[in-house]
Amino acid sequence: MRIVIAGAHGRIARALSRRLRARDATVIGLIRNPDHRGDVRAAGAEPVLADLESIDAAALASHVRGADAVVFAAGAGPGSGAARKDTVDRAAAVLLADAARLAGVRRYLLVSSVGVDGPPPAGTDAVFAAYLRAKAAAEETIRGRDLDWTIVRPGRLTDDEPTGRVHLAAGVDRGEIPREDVAAVLAALLTAPGTAGITAGLVSGETPVAQAVAQLSSA
């Protein structure tokens, strides 16, 4: 199995890389900062420099070609303004989808966020509101692409120890989830039949990851 991860230096992405390498998968990690190559290699991925805010779909397709799936786990990150929420969290996600189509790669996992399916709550910070709008726009566009997409909306991310137990469903209440548990769900989704075309929220819960993904695919 060959997987390409956009935003490979992120903590979810590196956790996912470690899990995939443990399964003997080949992982290609797309990054824009060359200083991150060592961290990405340490997680088990082969780093590839590709700035998703400047590369075009055809060039990106050359890095994606031959993959079994792509995962969009990139984000503008804390400290970035509203403009980069759009260029990364929306436009880069769409760019990866276009590159996947050009490269003949059908499987696409999008890491989105809870809270994108409605207006931001009153008092939401303007930049975070822009982030939610960007994620919502990315979701809408990806659903229109001829891909085997799955959209995962994690709750508030933490660095707590993983529990291996989650709540993964079309509708979930707001909550938290360790990044490692998000990575475990993504890894399971990559090989789970029947999960294409599904959007699911993800928070900590009581159901083991494998069972939660199996239930999602049979829903």
Protein backbone atom coordinates (compact mmCIF):
# COMPACT_ATOMS: atom_id res chain seq x y z
CA MET A 1 0.00 0.00 0.00
CA ARG A 2 1.30 3.44 -0.97
CA ILE A 3 -0.20 6.47 0.78
CA VAL A 4 0.46 10.17 0.17
CA ILE A 5 -0.16 12.50 3.11
CA ALA A 6 -0.44 16.27 2.64
CA GLY A 7 0.67 18.20 5.69
CA ALA A 8 2.97 15.38 6.72
CA HIS A 9 4.70 17.30 9.51
CA GLY A 10 1.48 17.75 11.48
CA ARG A 11 1.01 15.68 14.60
CA ILE A 12 -1.93 13.69 13.23
CA ALA A 13 -0.03 13.06 10.00
CA ARG A 14 3.09 11.84 11.78
CA ALA A 15 1.02 9.56 14.00
CA LEU A 16 -0.68 8.20 10.89
CA SER A 17 2.69 7.70 9.18
CA ARG A 18 3.95 5.64 12.12
CA ARG A 19 0.87 3.43 12.01
CA LEU A 20 1.08 2.91 8.27
CA ARG A 21 4.78 2.08 8.37
CA ALA A 22 4.04 -0.50 11.05
CA ARG A 23 1.86 -2.16 8.41
CA ASP A 24 4.71 -2.02 5.88
CA ALA A 25 2.99 0.67 3.83
CA THR A 26 5.02 3.13 1.79
CA VAL A 27 4.23 6.65 2.98
CA ILE A 28 5.01 9.82 1.02
CA GLY A 29 4.85 12.95 3.15
CA LEU A 30 4.22 16.27 1.41
CA ILE A 31 5.78 19.22 3.23
CA ARG A 32 6.64 22.83 2.35
CA ASN A 33 9.39 23.41 4.92
CA PRO A 34 12.66 21.57 4.20
CA ASP A 35 13.58 21.79 7.88
CA HIS A 36 10.79 19.30 8.59
CA ARG A 37 12.31 16.47 6.56
CA GLY A 38 14.01 14.84 9.54
CA ASP A 39 10.83 14.70 11.63
CA VAL A 40 8.87 13.27 8.74
CA ARG A 41 11.49 10.59 8.07
CA ALA A 42 11.55 9.72 11.77
CA ALA A 43 7.80 9.05 11.57
CA GLY A 44 8.36 6.62 8.71
CA ALA A 45 7.44 8.73 5.70
CA GLU A 46 9.55 9.81 2.75
CA PRO A 47 9.44 13.62 2.71
CA VAL A 48 8.68 15.38 -0.56
CA LEU A 49 8.85 19.17 -0.86
CA ALA A 50 5.58 20.47 -2.32
CA ASP A 51 4.21 23.85 -1.30
CA LEU A 52 0.47 23.43 -1.69
CA GLU A 53 0.03 27.20 -1.89
CA SER A 54 2.19 27.52 -5.00
CA ILE A 55 2.35 24.18 -6.83
CA ASP A 56 -0.18 23.41 -9.57
CA ALA A 57 -2.31 20.30 -9.90
CA ALA A 58 -0.24 18.76 -12.69
CA ALA A 59 3.00 19.07 -10.74
CA LEU A 60 1.36 17.76 -7.60
CA ALA A 61 -0.05 14.83 -9.55
CA SER A 62 3.51 13.70 -10.26
CA HIS A 63 3.99 13.18 -6.52
CA VAL A 64 0.63 11.43 -6.11
CA ARG A 65 0.80 9.08 -9.11
CA GLY A 66 0.94 5.42 -8.13
CA ALA A 67 -0.62 5.93 -4.69
CA ASP A 68 -3.48 3.85 -3.38
CA ALA A 69 -4.87 6.81 -1.47
CA VAL A 70 -4.22 10.41 -0.48
CA VAL A 71 -4.89 12.00 2.90
CA PHE A 72 -5.34 15.73 3.39
CA ALA A 73 -4.11 16.50 6.89
CA ALA A 74 -2.64 19.92 6.17
CA GLY A 75 -3.64 23.15 7.87
CA ALA A 76 -2.55 26.75 8.00
CA GLY A 77 -1.86 26.26 11.69
CA PRO A 78 -2.02 28.53 14.72
CA GLY A 79 -0.90 32.09 14.19
CA SER A 80 -1.96 32.20 10.54
CA GLY A 81 -4.52 34.74 9.41
CA ALA A 82 -7.87 34.34 7.72
CA ALA A 83 -6.35 34.51 4.23
CA ARG A 84 -4.24 31.39 4.78
CA LYS A 85 -7.20 29.51 6.19
CA ASP A 86 -8.61 29.84 2.69
CA THR A 87 -5.42 29.11 0.73
CA VAL A 88 -4.52 26.05 2.82
CA ASP A 89 -7.61 24.62 4.51
CA ARG A 90 -9.80 25.09 1.44
CA ALA A 91 -7.75 25.63 -1.71
CA ALA A 92 -4.98 23.13 -0.92
CA ALA A 93 -7.53 20.43 -0.07
CA VAL A 94 -9.19 20.99 -3.44
CA LEU A 95 -5.82 21.05 -5.19
CA LEU A 96 -4.97 17.64 -3.75
CA ALA A 97 -8.28 16.29 -5.01
CA ASP A 98 -7.60 17.65 -8.48
CA ALA A 99 -4.10 16.17 -8.44
CA ALA A 100 -5.47 12.81 -7.34
CA ARG A 101 -7.92 12.79 -10.24
CA LEU A 102 -5.16 13.66 -12.71
CA ALA A 103 -3.02 10.87 -11.28
CA GLY A 104 -5.82 8.30 -11.35
CA VAL A 105 -5.97 7.95 -7.55
CA ARG A 106 -9.54 7.52 -6.35
CA ARG A 107 -9.30 7.20 -2.56
CA TYR A 108 -9.24 10.54 -0.72
CA LEU A 109 -9.49 11.16 3.03
CA LEU A 110 -10.14 14.73 4.17
CA VAL A 111 -9.48 15.73 7.76
CA SER A 112 -12.03 18.45 8.44
CA SER A 113 -13.47 19.71 11.73
CA VAL A 114 -16.58 19.57 13.86
CA GLY A 115 -18.63 22.73 13.68
CA VAL A 116 -18.47 23.21 9.91
CA ASP A 117 -22.10 22.26 9.29
CA GLY A 118 -23.56 25.42 10.79
CA PRO A 119 -22.78 29.06 11.49
CA PRO A 120 -19.98 29.68 13.99
CA PRO A 121 -21.27 30.16 17.53
CA ALA A 122 -21.71 33.73 18.74
CA GLY A 123 -18.43 35.18 19.90
CA THR A 124 -16.27 32.93 17.72
CA ASP A 125 -12.90 34.46 16.93
CA ALA A 126 -12.84 35.88 13.38
CA VAL A 127 -9.88 33.76 12.29
CA PHE A 128 -11.39 30.56 13.65
CA ALA A 129 -14.65 31.43 11.90
CA ALA A 130 -12.66 31.78 8.67
CA TYR A 131 -11.14 28.36 9.36
CA LEU A 132 -14.59 26.78 9.73
CA ARG A 133 -15.81 28.44 6.53
CA ALA A 134 -12.73 27.20 4.67
CA LYS A 135 -13.25 23.63 5.88
CA ALA A 136 -16.94 23.76 4.95
CA ALA A 137 -16.10 25.02 1.46
CA ALA A 138 -13.48 22.31 1.03
CA GLU A 139 -15.99 19.65 2.03
CA GLU A 140 -18.57 20.95 -0.42
CA THR A 141 -16.12 20.95 -3.30
CA ILE A 142 -14.69 17.51 -2.49
CA ARG A 143 -18.17 16.00 -2.44
CA GLY A 144 -18.57 17.17 -6.02
CA ARG A 145 -15.40 15.46 -7.22
CA ASP A 146 -15.50 12.01 -8.81
CA LEU A 147 -13.44 10.41 -6.03
CA ASP A 148 -13.94 7.78 -3.35
CA TRP A 149 -13.83 10.42 -0.63
CA THR A 150 -14.41 10.13 3.09
CA ILE A 151 -14.59 13.23 5.29
CA VAL A 152 -13.67 12.98 8.98
CA ARG A 153 -14.59 15.80 11.37
CA PRO A 154 -12.60 15.46 14.58
CA GLY A 155 -13.57 17.32 17.72
CA ARG A 156 -11.14 19.42 19.72
CA LEU A 157 -7.73 17.80 19.35
CA THR A 158 -5.62 16.91 22.37
CA ASP A 159 -2.26 15.33 23.03
CA ASP A 160 -3.72 12.99 25.66
CA GLU A 161 -2.83 9.33 25.63
CA PRO A 162 -4.96 7.46 23.07
CA THR A 163 -7.75 5.27 24.37
CA GLY A 164 -8.45 3.36 21.16
CA ARG A 165 -12.15 4.02 21.76
CA VAL A 166 -14.12 6.56 19.78
CA HIS A 167 -17.52 7.80 18.71
CA LEU A 168 -17.58 7.93 14.90
CA ALA A 169 -20.92 8.80 13.34
CA ALA A 170 -22.72 11.15 10.99
CA GLY A 171 -23.70 13.34 13.90
CA VAL A 172 -21.73 13.68 17.12
CA ASP A 173 -21.87 16.16 19.97
CA ARG A 174 -18.92 18.48 20.42
CA GLY A 175 -16.11 16.85 22.36
CA GLU A 176 -12.41 16.08 22.42
CA ILE A 177 -10.24 13.38 20.93
CA PRO A 178 -6.52 12.58 21.15
CA ARG A 179 -4.64 13.07 17.90
CA GLU A 180 -3.38 9.49 18.09
CA ASP A 181 -6.96 8.21 18.05
CA VAL A 182 -7.71 10.34 15.00
CA ALA A 183 -4.71 8.75 13.28
CA ALA A 184 -5.95 5.29 14.21
CA VAL A 185 -9.33 5.99 12.63
CA LEU A 186 -7.74 7.36 9.45
CA ALA A 187 -5.52 4.30 9.16
CA ALA A 188 -8.52 2.01 9.54
CA LEU A 189 -10.57 3.97 6.99
CA LEU A 190 -7.88 3.57 4.34
CA THR A 191 -8.65 -0.12 4.03
CA ALA A 192 -12.30 -0.18 5.14
CA PRO A 193 -14.77 -1.10 2.39
CA GLY A 194 -18.00 0.82 2.11
CA THR A 195 -16.83 4.09 3.64
CA ALA A 196 -16.61 6.17 0.47
CA GLY A 197 -19.09 9.03 0.26
CA ILE A 198 -19.44 9.29 4.05
CA THR A 199 -18.98 12.34 6.28
CA ALA A 200 -18.54 11.49 9.95
CA GLY A 201 -17.83 13.33 13.16
CA LEU A 202 -15.21 11.90 15.50
CA VAL A 203 -14.78 12.32 19.25
CA SER A 204 -13.68 10.08 22.08
CA GLY A 205 -16.20 7.40 22.98
CA GLU A 206 -16.66 3.81 24.06
CA THR A 207 -16.36 1.90 20.78
CA PRO A 208 -13.04 0.34 19.72
CA VAL A 209 -11.69 1.96 16.56
CA ALA A 210 -12.00 -1.13 14.35
CA GLN A 211 -15.59 -1.68 15.43
CA ALA A 212 -16.48 1.99 14.99
CA VAL A 213 -15.15 2.00 11.42
CA ALA A 214 -16.92 -1.28 10.64
CA GLN A 215 -20.19 0.15 11.94
CA LEU A 216 -19.71 3.28 9.82
CA SER A 217 -19.23 1.22 6.69
CA SER A 218 -22.37 -0.81 7.36
CA ALA A 219 -24.58 2.17 8.26
